[in-house]
Amino acid sequence: MKINEIKKLKEKEHIVLLPKHDYDIKKSTEYSFKNVISLEEELSEDDIKQIIDTVNEKNVQLILFDYDEIYRKIIPYIRKNRKIKWVMKNSMAAMTDGAVRATFSNLMEFCDRNLISCIGCIDSGAYEVLKNAGYNTKRILLDIKEEKTSSKKSNSIGLLGDDYNPNHNTYNQLTAVTMVDYDYIKIIKHMPATRDFIKFFNIKEKEVSNEDEVIKDNFINLYCNFTSTVTEKILMSMDNGIPCLLGNIDIFDNYKVLKENLILISDDDVNEIAKKIMTVKNNSSKIMDEYKKFRKDYTKLSKESIESFLAD
């Protein structure tokens, strides 16, 4: 949504502000919510005034994701009888990162000043912690448009994590790859150490330029994070018919086949990662049949979670 389009909003609709560093959930946020303004460029003073006036005069909900310094120029000027809601992307475990801790501190500050009416949590663990701490909290499941694509399977492996994020377990996954049968890997490299690792261990690689190329046409995608797992990437992979191996998370807890095949017991066990890669390769059809059931349920739950969050 363009900033100049908010004039068209009607009473009790909503505006979403999404910081530029949340590019990893942009697709799912724009699909799950309406009127998403991506803060990829700094808002002008006129833009800020337009948001404030729209929220105040039309009783439009303001929904903030994570944190941007621009929030401090907006929140204090919103009338007390208007709703400001804040969505927290990260898990509690991700607070080993200083930037994540800073985001959480800002959220808590505005909550303690009684300026935030509801907290939305993308992570289930964060939701439980904040709910038990007495905050008005809702669980949010972000979804993406389910697009049927024809995937040309090859004997390749995609690595979906960010190699600069220690929580994304890149080097254990690369180690596991050397223990299985594959033709080449696909990965977006940011760190020189990743290039050196791939070269030193003679890992076969196909150069790619974007995440879409990483995901498609593999027999498996690896996203075996310790924490900071983004559901959007899981859905993108699985919707393309490519099983996605994950760290020890709860997304498939109610789906036995998916949990047994796609969820690691120990995220950093290289032998388990390698074993699971080959298990997935041999059970791909069974996994994707079970995923169809999960996907239908997830779409329904996602819609319900967004409706509940907006209605609160």
Protein backbone atom coordinates (compact mmCIF):
# COMPACT_ATOMS: atom_id res chain seq x y z
CA MET A 1 0.00 0.00 0.00
CA LYS A 2 1.22 3.50 -0.84
CA ILE A 3 1.12 6.07 1.93
CA ASN A 4 -1.12 8.41 -0.07
CA GLU A 5 -3.76 5.67 -0.32
CA ILE A 6 -4.62 5.71 3.38
CA LYS A 7 -7.00 8.61 2.76
CA LYS A 8 -9.35 6.05 1.19
CA LEU A 9 -9.57 3.94 4.35
CA LYS A 10 -12.92 3.60 6.06
CA GLU A 11 -13.70 3.62 9.76
CA LYS A 12 -12.41 0.64 11.75
CA GLU A 13 -10.14 -0.63 8.97
CA HIS A 14 -6.45 -1.05 9.76
CA ILE A 15 -3.00 0.16 8.74
CA VAL A 16 0.05 -2.07 9.12
CA LEU A 17 3.58 -0.67 9.37
CA LEU A 18 6.26 -3.21 8.45
CA PRO A 19 9.96 -2.34 9.01
CA LYS A 20 12.37 -2.97 6.14
CA HIS A 21 14.32 -5.55 8.17
CA ASP A 22 11.19 -7.72 8.20
CA TYR A 23 11.63 -8.58 4.53
CA ASP A 24 11.51 -12.27 5.50
CA ILE A 25 7.83 -12.02 6.46
CA LYS A 26 6.80 -9.37 3.95
CA LYS A 27 5.01 -11.74 1.58
CA SER A 28 3.00 -13.39 4.36
CA THR A 29 2.21 -10.10 6.10
CA GLU A 30 0.90 -8.54 2.89
CA TYR A 31 -1.19 -11.63 2.20
CA SER A 32 -2.60 -11.96 5.74
CA PHE A 33 -3.33 -8.27 6.37
CA LYS A 34 -4.67 -5.40 4.29
CA ASN A 35 -3.12 -1.95 3.93
CA VAL A 36 0.51 -2.88 4.65
CA ILE A 37 2.97 -0.01 4.40
CA SER A 38 6.52 -1.27 4.02
CA LEU A 39 9.01 1.10 5.68
CA GLU A 40 11.72 0.52 3.11
CA GLU A 41 12.06 4.27 2.73
CA GLU A 42 11.90 6.74 5.60
CA LEU A 43 8.52 8.39 6.03
CA SER A 44 8.37 12.17 5.72
CA GLU A 45 6.86 14.38 8.41
CA ASP A 46 3.79 14.78 6.18
CA ASP A 47 3.49 10.99 5.87
CA ILE A 48 3.66 10.61 9.64
CA LYS A 49 1.01 13.29 10.15
CA GLN A 50 -1.22 11.57 7.59
CA ILE A 51 -1.02 8.28 9.51
CA ILE A 52 -1.76 9.97 12.83
CA ASP A 53 -4.69 11.93 11.41
CA THR A 54 -6.16 8.87 9.70
CA VAL A 55 -6.01 6.78 12.89
CA ASN A 56 -7.44 9.57 15.02
CA GLU A 57 -10.13 10.87 12.71
CA LYS A 58 -11.36 7.62 11.13
CA ASN A 59 -10.84 5.33 14.12
CA VAL A 60 -8.52 3.13 12.04
CA GLN A 61 -6.51 0.48 13.90
CA LEU A 62 -2.74 0.93 13.82
CA ILE A 63 -0.75 -2.31 13.72
CA LEU A 64 3.01 -2.17 14.23
CA PHE A 65 5.44 -4.99 13.45
CA ASP A 66 8.68 -5.35 15.42
CA TYR A 67 10.26 -1.91 15.76
CA ASP A 68 11.19 1.16 13.78
CA GLU A 69 12.31 4.49 15.24
CA ILE A 70 9.45 6.12 13.36
CA TYR A 71 7.04 4.58 15.89
CA ARG A 72 8.16 7.09 18.52
CA LYS A 73 6.96 9.89 16.27
CA ILE A 74 3.54 8.28 15.90
CA ILE A 75 2.42 6.44 19.07
CA PRO A 76 2.37 9.42 21.49
CA TYR A 77 0.06 11.35 19.18
CA ILE A 78 -2.61 8.67 18.82
CA ARG A 79 -5.72 9.29 20.91
CA LYS A 80 -6.13 7.07 23.95
CA ASN A 81 -9.44 5.69 22.67
CA ARG A 82 -7.85 4.43 19.45
CA LYS A 83 -6.35 0.97 19.10
CA ILE A 84 -2.64 0.40 18.61
CA LYS A 85 -1.58 -3.24 18.30
CA TRP A 86 1.95 -4.54 18.12
CA VAL A 87 3.15 -7.76 16.47
CA MET A 88 6.24 -9.47 17.82
CA LYS A 89 8.00 -11.63 15.22
CA ASN A 90 10.74 -13.28 17.23
CA SER A 91 10.88 -16.04 19.80
CA MET A 92 12.16 -15.56 23.33
CA ALA A 93 15.19 -17.70 22.44
CA ALA A 94 16.14 -15.17 19.74
CA MET A 95 16.86 -12.61 22.46
CA THR A 96 20.46 -13.76 22.47
CA ASP A 97 20.59 -11.19 19.64
CA GLY A 98 20.94 -7.65 20.99
CA ALA A 99 18.76 -6.16 18.27
CA VAL A 100 15.91 -8.53 19.17
CA ARG A 101 16.26 -7.61 22.86
CA ALA A 102 16.08 -3.93 21.93
CA THR A 103 12.91 -4.50 19.92
CA PHE A 104 11.34 -6.32 22.86
CA SER A 105 12.36 -3.56 25.29
CA ASN A 106 10.66 -0.95 23.14
CA LEU A 107 7.49 -3.06 22.97
CA MET A 108 7.45 -3.52 26.74
CA GLU A 109 7.99 0.20 27.32
CA PHE A 110 4.92 1.17 25.32
CA CYS A 111 2.86 -1.64 26.87
CA ASP A 112 3.79 -0.50 30.37
CA ARG A 113 2.70 3.03 29.41
CA ASN A 114 -0.71 1.54 28.49
CA LEU A 115 -0.40 2.68 24.88
CA ILE A 116 -0.69 -0.78 23.29
CA SER A 117 -4.05 -2.55 23.40
CA CYS A 118 -2.92 -5.99 22.21
CA ILE A 119 0.28 -7.89 21.40
CA GLY A 120 0.29 -10.32 18.49
CA CYS A 121 2.86 -13.11 18.66
CA ILE A 122 3.99 -15.06 15.61
CA ASP A 123 6.00 -17.45 17.79
CA SER A 124 3.94 -19.81 19.96
CA GLY A 125 6.45 -19.79 22.81
CA ALA A 126 6.51 -15.99 22.99
CA TYR A 127 2.71 -16.03 23.00
CA GLU A 128 2.60 -18.37 26.00
CA VAL A 129 5.18 -16.35 27.95
CA LEU A 130 3.44 -13.00 27.43
CA LYS A 131 -0.04 -14.43 28.02
CA ASN A 132 1.09 -15.99 31.30
CA ALA A 133 2.72 -12.67 32.25
CA GLY A 134 -0.72 -11.03 32.06
CA TYR A 135 -0.48 -9.16 28.76
CA ASN A 136 -3.42 -9.07 26.34
CA THR A 137 -1.88 -11.37 23.75
CA LYS A 138 -3.05 -13.12 20.58
CA ARG A 139 -1.32 -15.82 18.54
CA ILE A 140 -0.94 -14.93 14.87
CA LEU A 141 -0.41 -17.39 12.03
CA LEU A 142 0.76 -15.65 8.87
CA ASP A 143 -0.12 -17.31 5.59
CA ILE A 144 0.90 -16.94 1.95
CA LYS A 145 -1.06 -17.42 -1.23
CA GLU A 146 -1.00 -21.09 -2.08
CA GLU A 147 0.20 -21.32 -5.65
CA LYS A 148 0.36 -24.63 -7.41
CA THR A 149 3.67 -24.81 -9.26
CA SER A 150 5.23 -27.57 -11.28
CA SER A 151 8.53 -28.39 -9.65
CA LYS A 152 11.18 -30.20 -11.66
CA LYS A 153 12.82 -32.46 -9.11
CA SER A 154 16.57 -32.89 -9.22
CA ASN A 155 19.08 -34.38 -6.82
CA SER A 156 19.85 -30.98 -5.32
CA ILE A 157 19.53 -29.56 -1.80
CA GLY A 158 18.53 -26.01 -0.87
CA LEU A 159 19.66 -24.24 2.31
CA LEU A 160 17.11 -21.59 3.31
CA GLY A 161 18.67 -20.05 6.41
CA ASP A 162 20.80 -16.92 6.71
CA ASP A 163 24.45 -17.85 7.06
CA TYR A 164 25.15 -14.69 9.09
CA ASN A 165 22.65 -15.78 11.76
CA PRO A 166 24.22 -18.28 14.20
CA ASN A 167 20.72 -19.51 15.05
CA HIS A 168 20.29 -20.77 11.48
CA ASN A 169 22.78 -23.61 11.91
CA THR A 170 24.37 -23.24 8.46
CA TYR A 171 27.64 -25.06 9.04
CA ASN A 172 26.12 -28.13 10.69
CA GLN A 173 23.77 -28.42 7.72
CA LEU A 174 26.64 -28.07 5.23
CA THR A 175 28.53 -30.77 7.15
CA ALA A 176 25.53 -33.10 6.96
CA VAL A 177 25.32 -32.57 3.19
CA THR A 178 28.78 -34.12 2.78
CA MET A 179 27.41 -37.33 4.30
CA VAL A 180 24.58 -37.92 1.79
CA ASP A 181 24.05 -38.49 -1.91
CA TYR A 182 23.38 -35.22 -3.75
CA ASP A 183 24.35 -33.44 -6.98
CA TYR A 184 24.78 -29.89 -5.69
CA ILE A 185 23.53 -27.43 -3.09
CA LYS A 186 21.99 -24.00 -3.53
CA ILE A 187 22.54 -21.29 -0.93
CA ILE A 188 22.67 -17.50 -0.70
CA LYS A 189 26.10 -16.69 0.73
CA HIS A 190 26.69 -13.55 2.77
CA MET A 191 29.69 -14.60 4.87
CA PRO A 192 33.21 -15.24 3.52
CA ALA A 193 33.40 -18.13 5.99
CA THR A 194 30.61 -19.88 4.09
CA ARG A 195 32.53 -19.65 0.81
CA ASP A 196 35.64 -20.96 2.52
CA PHE A 197 33.72 -23.82 4.16
CA ILE A 198 32.17 -24.92 0.86
CA LYS A 199 35.52 -24.76 -0.91
CA PHE A 200 37.50 -26.52 1.84
CA PHE A 201 35.10 -29.48 2.02
CA ASN A 202 34.62 -29.68 -1.75
CA ILE A 203 30.86 -29.23 -1.48
CA LYS A 204 29.27 -29.17 -4.92
CA GLU A 205 27.33 -25.96 -5.45
CA LYS A 206 25.17 -24.25 -8.05
CA GLU A 207 25.32 -20.47 -7.90
CA VAL A 208 21.93 -18.75 -7.41
CA SER A 209 20.96 -15.11 -7.04
CA ASN A 210 17.73 -15.14 -5.03
CA GLU A 211 15.73 -17.19 -2.56
CA ASP A 212 13.19 -18.38 -5.13
CA GLU A 213 16.01 -20.08 -7.03
CA VAL A 214 17.29 -21.64 -3.80
CA ILE A 215 13.89 -23.16 -3.01
CA LYS A 216 12.74 -24.62 -6.30
CA ASP A 217 13.49 -27.96 -7.98
CA ASN A 218 15.26 -29.68 -5.04
CA PHE A 219 14.46 -33.03 -3.44
CA ILE A 220 14.73 -31.34 -0.03
CA ASN A 221 15.25 -27.92 1.51
CA LEU A 222 17.13 -27.55 4.81
CA TYR A 223 15.93 -25.00 7.37
CA CYS A 224 17.22 -26.68 10.54
CA ASN A 225 17.37 -23.62 12.78
CA PHE A 226 17.97 -23.50 16.51
CA THR A 227 15.40 -20.67 16.61
CA SER A 228 14.22 -17.75 14.41
CA THR A 229 12.34 -20.00 11.99
CA VAL A 230 10.02 -18.12 9.62
CA THR A 231 6.88 -20.06 8.67
CA GLU A 232 6.70 -18.22 5.34
CA LYS A 233 9.79 -20.09 4.11
CA ILE A 234 8.42 -23.45 5.20
CA LEU A 235 5.18 -22.82 3.31
CA MET A 236 7.03 -21.60 0.21
CA SER A 237 9.05 -24.80 0.09
CA MET A 238 6.24 -27.23 0.87
CA ASP A 239 3.75 -25.48 -1.42
CA ASN A 240 6.27 -26.11 -4.20
CA GLY A 241 6.14 -29.82 -3.40
CA ILE A 242 9.57 -29.84 -1.75
CA PRO A 243 9.85 -31.25 1.80
CA CYS A 244 11.52 -28.87 4.25
CA LEU A 245 13.63 -30.30 7.07
CA LEU A 246 13.28 -28.26 10.26
CA GLY A 247 14.77 -27.83 13.70
CA ASN A 248 12.92 -28.87 16.83
CA ILE A 249 9.80 -26.70 16.46
CA ASP A 250 6.11 -27.35 17.08
CA ILE A 251 4.57 -26.52 13.68
CA PHE A 252 3.86 -30.18 12.82
CA ASP A 253 3.10 -31.49 16.32
CA ASN A 254 -0.40 -32.63 15.33
CA TYR A 255 0.71 -34.35 12.12
CA LYS A 256 2.55 -37.59 12.87
CA VAL A 257 4.07 -38.23 9.45
CA LEU A 258 5.37 -34.66 9.12
CA LYS A 259 6.74 -34.56 12.66
CA GLU A 260 8.53 -37.91 12.32
CA ASN A 261 10.11 -37.06 8.97
CA LEU A 262 10.66 -33.29 9.00
CA ILE A 263 11.37 -32.34 12.62
CA LEU A 264 14.79 -32.93 14.18
CA ILE A 265 15.07 -34.15 17.75
CA SER A 266 18.46 -32.46 18.14
CA ASP A 267 19.05 -29.44 15.90
CA ASP A 268 22.84 -29.65 15.98
CA ASP A 269 23.20 -33.42 15.51
CA VAL A 270 24.92 -33.67 12.12
CA ASN A 271 24.29 -37.41 11.91
CA GLU A 272 20.57 -36.94 12.53
CA ILE A 273 20.36 -34.23 9.85
CA ALA A 274 22.07 -36.50 7.33
CA LYS A 275 19.86 -39.46 8.25
CA LYS A 276 16.71 -37.34 7.99
CA ILE A 277 17.74 -36.05 4.55
CA MET A 278 17.80 -39.58 3.18
CA THR A 279 14.60 -40.54 5.03
CA VAL A 280 12.83 -37.59 3.42
CA LYS A 281 14.15 -38.55 0.00
CA ASN A 282 12.66 -42.03 0.36
CA ASN A 283 9.32 -40.85 1.77
CA SER A 284 8.62 -37.71 -0.25
CA SER A 285 5.21 -38.76 -1.60
CA LYS A 286 3.95 -39.82 1.82
CA ILE A 287 5.15 -36.55 3.34
CA MET A 288 3.48 -34.38 0.72
CA ASP A 289 0.18 -36.27 1.06
CA GLU A 290 0.17 -35.49 4.78
CA TYR A 291 1.13 -31.90 4.06
CA LYS A 292 -2.08 -31.41 2.06
CA LYS A 293 -4.05 -32.08 5.24
CA PHE A 294 -1.84 -29.72 7.23
CA ARG A 295 -2.09 -26.98 4.61
CA LYS A 296 -5.87 -26.99 4.58
CA ASP A 297 -5.99 -26.79 8.38
CA TYR A 298 -3.30 -24.10 8.52
CA THR A 299 -5.12 -21.84 6.06
CA LYS A 300 -8.25 -22.02 8.20
CA LEU A 301 -6.39 -21.41 11.46
CA SER A 302 -4.48 -18.49 9.94
CA LYS A 303 -7.67 -16.71 8.88
CA GLU A 304 -9.20 -17.27 12.30
CA SER A 305 -6.11 -15.93 14.07
CA ILE A 306 -6.03 -12.73 12.00
CA GLU A 307 -9.77 -12.16 12.47
CA SER A 308 -9.45 -12.65 16.22
CA PHE A 309 -6.48 -10.27 16.43
CA LEU A 310 -8.27 -7.55 14.47
CA ALA A 311 -11.53 -7.98 16.42
CA ASP A 312 -9.92 -7.72 19.86
